[in-house]
N, C-alpha and C. Protein backbone atom coordinates (compact mmCIF):
# COMPACT_ATOMS: atom_id res chain seq x y z
N UNK A 1 -53.39 -15.42 20.42
CA UNK A 1 -51.96 -15.67 20.49
C UNK A 1 -51.20 -14.67 19.62
N UNK A 2 -50.26 -14.01 20.19
CA UNK A 2 -49.44 -13.07 19.45
C UNK A 2 -48.12 -13.71 19.05
N UNK A 3 -47.33 -12.94 18.38
CA UNK A 3 -46.01 -13.44 18.00
C UNK A 3 -45.08 -13.47 19.21
N UNK A 4 -44.21 -14.44 19.21
CA UNK A 4 -43.23 -14.54 20.27
C UNK A 4 -42.17 -13.45 20.08
N UNK A 5 -41.80 -12.70 21.13
CA UNK A 5 -40.81 -11.64 20.96
C UNK A 5 -39.46 -12.21 20.56
N UNK A 6 -38.79 -11.51 19.67
CA UNK A 6 -37.48 -11.94 19.18
C UNK A 6 -36.42 -11.00 19.74
N UNK A 7 -35.43 -11.55 20.41
CA UNK A 7 -34.32 -10.77 20.92
C UNK A 7 -33.05 -11.27 20.26
N UNK A 8 -32.40 -10.40 19.51
CA UNK A 8 -31.17 -10.76 18.80
C UNK A 8 -29.98 -10.24 19.60
N UNK A 9 -29.04 -11.12 19.87
CA UNK A 9 -27.84 -10.73 20.61
C UNK A 9 -26.78 -10.13 19.70
N UNK A 10 -26.88 -10.40 18.38
CA UNK A 10 -25.87 -9.92 17.44
C UNK A 10 -26.15 -8.52 16.90
N UNK A 11 -27.38 -8.01 17.08
CA UNK A 11 -27.75 -6.69 16.55
C UNK A 11 -28.46 -5.92 17.66
N UNK A 12 -28.10 -4.63 17.79
CA UNK A 12 -28.80 -3.78 18.75
C UNK A 12 -29.16 -2.47 18.06
N UNK A 13 -30.22 -1.85 18.52
CA UNK A 13 -30.70 -0.60 17.95
C UNK A 13 -29.73 0.53 18.31
N UNK A 14 -29.26 1.31 17.32
CA UNK A 14 -28.34 2.41 17.63
C UNK A 14 -29.04 3.56 18.37
N UNK A 15 -30.35 3.62 18.31
CA UNK A 15 -31.07 4.70 18.96
C UNK A 15 -31.30 4.44 20.45
N UNK A 16 -31.82 3.25 20.77
CA UNK A 16 -32.16 2.97 22.17
C UNK A 16 -31.33 1.84 22.78
N UNK A 17 -30.57 1.10 21.96
CA UNK A 17 -29.72 0.03 22.47
C UNK A 17 -30.43 -1.28 22.70
N UNK A 18 -31.69 -1.38 22.34
CA UNK A 18 -32.47 -2.59 22.56
C UNK A 18 -32.05 -3.71 21.60
N UNK A 19 -32.18 -4.94 22.06
CA UNK A 19 -31.92 -6.11 21.22
C UNK A 19 -33.22 -6.71 20.68
N UNK A 20 -34.33 -6.02 20.90
CA UNK A 20 -35.64 -6.48 20.43
C UNK A 20 -35.87 -5.94 19.02
N UNK A 21 -35.13 -6.51 18.05
CA UNK A 21 -35.18 -6.04 16.66
C UNK A 21 -35.54 -7.20 15.74
N UNK A 22 -36.14 -6.85 14.60
CA UNK A 22 -36.50 -7.85 13.60
C UNK A 22 -36.01 -7.39 12.23
N UNK A 23 -35.74 -8.35 11.36
CA UNK A 23 -35.35 -8.02 10.00
C UNK A 23 -36.54 -7.41 9.28
N UNK A 24 -36.25 -6.43 8.42
CA UNK A 24 -37.35 -5.71 7.78
C UNK A 24 -36.94 -5.28 6.37
N UNK A 25 -36.59 -6.23 5.52
CA UNK A 25 -36.26 -5.91 4.14
C UNK A 25 -34.78 -5.82 3.87
N UNK A 26 -34.45 -5.72 2.58
CA UNK A 26 -33.06 -5.64 2.13
C UNK A 26 -32.93 -4.65 0.98
N UNK A 27 -33.09 -3.35 1.23
CA UNK A 27 -32.95 -2.39 0.14
C UNK A 27 -31.50 -2.29 -0.33
N UNK A 28 -31.30 -2.38 -1.64
CA UNK A 28 -29.97 -2.28 -2.24
C UNK A 28 -28.98 -3.27 -1.67
N UNK A 29 -29.47 -4.42 -1.23
CA UNK A 29 -28.59 -5.48 -0.75
C UNK A 29 -28.10 -5.32 0.67
N UNK A 30 -28.59 -4.33 1.40
CA UNK A 30 -28.16 -4.10 2.78
C UNK A 30 -29.32 -4.45 3.72
N UNK A 31 -29.06 -5.25 4.74
CA UNK A 31 -30.11 -5.69 5.65
C UNK A 31 -30.64 -4.52 6.47
N UNK A 32 -31.95 -4.37 6.49
CA UNK A 32 -32.63 -3.32 7.25
C UNK A 32 -33.32 -3.97 8.44
N UNK A 33 -33.31 -3.30 9.59
CA UNK A 33 -33.92 -3.83 10.80
C UNK A 33 -34.93 -2.82 11.35
N UNK A 34 -35.88 -3.33 12.13
CA UNK A 34 -36.87 -2.51 12.82
C UNK A 34 -36.75 -2.79 14.30
N UNK A 35 -36.61 -1.74 15.10
CA UNK A 35 -36.57 -1.90 16.55
C UNK A 35 -38.01 -1.96 17.06
N UNK A 36 -38.34 -3.00 17.78
CA UNK A 36 -39.70 -3.16 18.30
C UNK A 36 -39.96 -2.29 19.53
N UNK A 37 -38.90 -1.77 20.15
CA UNK A 37 -39.10 -0.94 21.34
C UNK A 37 -39.31 0.53 20.99
N UNK A 38 -38.45 1.10 20.12
CA UNK A 38 -38.60 2.52 19.80
C UNK A 38 -39.23 2.76 18.42
N UNK A 39 -39.35 1.70 17.59
CA UNK A 39 -40.02 1.82 16.31
C UNK A 39 -39.18 2.42 15.19
N UNK A 40 -37.86 2.55 15.39
CA UNK A 40 -37.01 3.15 14.37
C UNK A 40 -36.39 2.07 13.49
N UNK A 41 -36.18 2.44 12.22
CA UNK A 41 -35.52 1.55 11.27
C UNK A 41 -34.03 1.90 11.22
N UNK A 42 -33.19 0.91 10.98
CA UNK A 42 -31.75 1.16 10.84
C UNK A 42 -31.13 0.07 9.99
N UNK A 43 -29.96 0.36 9.47
CA UNK A 43 -29.21 -0.61 8.67
C UNK A 43 -28.23 -1.33 9.57
N UNK A 44 -28.12 -2.63 9.40
CA UNK A 44 -27.27 -3.44 10.26
C UNK A 44 -25.79 -3.19 10.07
N UNK A 45 -25.36 -2.82 8.86
CA UNK A 45 -23.94 -2.65 8.59
C UNK A 45 -23.48 -1.20 8.59
N UNK A 46 -24.34 -0.29 9.00
CA UNK A 46 -24.00 1.14 8.99
C UNK A 46 -23.16 1.50 10.22
N UNK A 47 -22.35 2.53 10.08
CA UNK A 47 -21.56 3.05 11.19
C UNK A 47 -22.29 4.25 11.78
N UNK A 48 -22.58 4.18 13.05
CA UNK A 48 -23.29 5.26 13.72
C UNK A 48 -22.36 5.96 14.70
N UNK A 49 -22.41 7.28 14.71
CA UNK A 49 -21.60 8.06 15.64
C UNK A 49 -22.44 8.36 16.88
N UNK A 50 -21.80 8.49 18.01
CA UNK A 50 -22.53 8.77 19.25
C UNK A 50 -23.19 10.14 19.18
N UNK A 51 -24.24 10.29 19.91
CA UNK A 51 -24.98 11.55 19.93
C UNK A 51 -24.08 12.68 20.43
N UNK A 52 -23.26 12.39 21.43
CA UNK A 52 -22.36 13.39 22.00
C UNK A 52 -21.39 13.90 20.93
N UNK A 53 -20.83 12.98 20.14
CA UNK A 53 -19.87 13.36 19.09
C UNK A 53 -20.55 14.18 17.99
N UNK A 54 -21.77 13.78 17.61
CA UNK A 54 -22.51 14.53 16.60
C UNK A 54 -22.85 15.94 17.08
N UNK A 55 -23.26 16.06 18.35
CA UNK A 55 -23.59 17.38 18.89
C UNK A 55 -22.35 18.26 18.97
N UNK A 56 -21.21 17.67 19.34
CA UNK A 56 -19.97 18.44 19.39
C UNK A 56 -19.58 18.93 18.00
N UNK A 57 -19.69 18.06 17.01
CA UNK A 57 -19.37 18.45 15.63
C UNK A 57 -20.31 19.54 15.14
N UNK A 58 -21.58 19.43 15.47
CA UNK A 58 -22.57 20.43 15.09
C UNK A 58 -22.26 21.78 15.74
N UNK A 59 -21.90 21.75 17.01
CA UNK A 59 -21.55 22.98 17.73
C UNK A 59 -20.31 23.63 17.11
N UNK A 60 -19.31 22.82 16.77
CA UNK A 60 -18.10 23.34 16.15
C UNK A 60 -18.41 23.97 14.79
N UNK A 61 -19.27 23.31 14.01
CA UNK A 61 -19.64 23.83 12.70
C UNK A 61 -20.40 25.16 12.83
N UNK A 62 -21.30 25.22 13.80
CA UNK A 62 -22.09 26.44 14.01
C UNK A 62 -21.20 27.61 14.43
N UNK A 63 -20.11 27.33 15.12
CA UNK A 63 -19.19 28.38 15.55
C UNK A 63 -18.16 28.71 14.49
N UNK A 64 -18.26 28.09 13.33
CA UNK A 64 -17.36 28.40 12.23
C UNK A 64 -16.00 27.73 12.32
N UNK A 65 -15.89 26.72 13.17
CA UNK A 65 -14.60 26.05 13.33
C UNK A 65 -14.41 25.02 12.22
N UNK A 66 -13.31 25.12 11.56
CA UNK A 66 -13.02 24.16 10.49
C UNK A 66 -12.24 22.96 10.98
N UNK A 67 -11.91 22.92 12.27
CA UNK A 67 -11.20 21.78 12.84
C UNK A 67 -12.14 20.59 13.06
N UNK A 68 -13.36 20.74 12.60
CA UNK A 68 -14.36 19.68 12.72
C UNK A 68 -13.89 18.38 12.08
N UNK A 69 -13.04 18.47 11.07
CA UNK A 69 -12.59 17.28 10.37
C UNK A 69 -11.70 16.41 11.23
N UNK A 70 -11.13 16.96 12.30
CA UNK A 70 -10.31 16.16 13.21
C UNK A 70 -11.16 15.17 14.01
N UNK A 71 -12.45 15.38 14.07
CA UNK A 71 -13.34 14.47 14.81
C UNK A 71 -13.64 13.21 14.02
N UNK A 72 -13.25 13.17 12.75
CA UNK A 72 -13.53 12.03 11.87
C UNK A 72 -15.03 11.77 11.71
N UNK A 73 -15.79 12.85 11.66
CA UNK A 73 -17.23 12.76 11.40
C UNK A 73 -17.45 13.35 10.01
N UNK A 74 -18.03 12.58 9.08
CA UNK A 74 -18.28 13.11 7.74
C UNK A 74 -19.17 14.36 7.79
N UNK A 75 -18.89 15.29 6.90
CA UNK A 75 -19.66 16.54 6.87
C UNK A 75 -21.14 16.27 6.61
N UNK A 76 -21.46 15.23 5.85
CA UNK A 76 -22.85 14.87 5.61
C UNK A 76 -23.57 14.51 6.90
N UNK A 77 -22.85 13.88 7.83
CA UNK A 77 -23.43 13.54 9.13
C UNK A 77 -23.75 14.80 9.92
N UNK A 78 -22.86 15.79 9.84
CA UNK A 78 -23.09 17.06 10.53
C UNK A 78 -24.31 17.76 9.95
N UNK A 79 -24.41 17.77 8.62
CA UNK A 79 -25.56 18.41 7.98
C UNK A 79 -26.85 17.67 8.32
N UNK A 80 -26.80 16.35 8.42
CA UNK A 80 -27.99 15.59 8.82
C UNK A 80 -28.39 15.96 10.25
N UNK A 81 -27.40 16.07 11.13
CA UNK A 81 -27.68 16.47 12.51
C UNK A 81 -28.25 17.88 12.55
N UNK A 82 -27.73 18.77 11.69
CA UNK A 82 -28.23 20.14 11.61
C UNK A 82 -29.69 20.14 11.16
N UNK A 83 -29.99 19.31 10.16
CA UNK A 83 -31.37 19.23 9.66
C UNK A 83 -32.30 18.74 10.74
N UNK A 84 -31.89 17.70 11.52
CA UNK A 84 -32.74 17.16 12.57
C UNK A 84 -32.91 18.15 13.71
N UNK A 85 -31.90 19.00 13.94
CA UNK A 85 -31.99 19.99 15.01
C UNK A 85 -33.03 21.06 14.68
N UNK A 86 -33.20 21.34 13.38
CA UNK A 86 -34.17 22.36 12.98
C UNK A 86 -35.60 21.86 12.97
N UNK A 87 -35.78 20.55 12.85
CA UNK A 87 -37.13 19.98 12.75
C UNK A 87 -37.82 19.96 14.08
């Protein structure tokens, strides 16, 4: 007998959109979740930007455009996307 699958309607994975997530700790007082479908960890109260918006911001930054701030994407998010693009 295995564990019964848990589907939460109040939380979805920002990576794959699945509702098959489980609680997985509370670092620094923020609830952490694990997606059972894609295996990624995420914070329940974090704000995630769409992949399209992150790619657009990254493209603008690479072209030297400083109007990137009009997208309301923090520069740290752009640098994180840049780091993941190189890996």
